[in-house]
């Protein structure tokens, strides 16, 4: 058996503890169990570190059960453990199918982590805005921006947990909204927005032309209100450093 075959057998043992892999490795189960325990404990620790507020919300026992379910189905897929928490959100939707607050809390923590390590980008300098032809401008959003629909008070729950205060009970929102996560300088930010602003940003992500954003909002709100709303969104996004470029379309 060459080194590659031995490494593959060892990986198979860590993931599944299969009899076949154990036999290839000499069937030293007591010793192999130590390695598997360390492997699983490290992955549980990785998830605990990535989702501290979610763990507090669920409780240690429920969080551990969800972690084990995730580890059993999803071995590490990248060279760094920093990437391992990315798929936990999908596992939680399976483990807690009727708890959207859990899914949205997990998304918040995952998005905050992803935004922190996203590519750097500088906001548009204010003096440069005077030279922009807004009729042909294409808006470029910061690469750290993450957007998600919001159906529960998960933002309020996360904020309370982060501040180490008593969180509110989970409830459904009267009107669905959205969540924005991005990095501003060296800090990841979280903001709850109305559904219209979420839709507007998703529209910009798909077609960054400012004129098309105006058309989109005019179709929703009418001509006068739509143009005004486009201007208000633009000012807010510039102030929040969500926009990192405004270039002429080709």
Foldseek 3Di string as FASTA:
>chain_A
DDPVVLVVLLVCCLQPVDPVSCVVVPVPVVVSVVVNVVQLVVQLVLLCVLQVLLCVVCDVVVSVVLSVVCSNVDPDDDPDSLCVLPCSLVSCCVVCVPCVLSSVSSVVSNLQSQQQPWDDFFFDDPVVVVVFPLQFKFWDFDRSKDKDKAFKVSVQQSVCSVVVHDGDDIDTDPAIWMWIWHDDPNGIDIDIGGNVLSVLVVVSVVTRRLNVSLVVQCVVPNNPVSVVVSVVSVVVCSVVRGTRDIDGDD
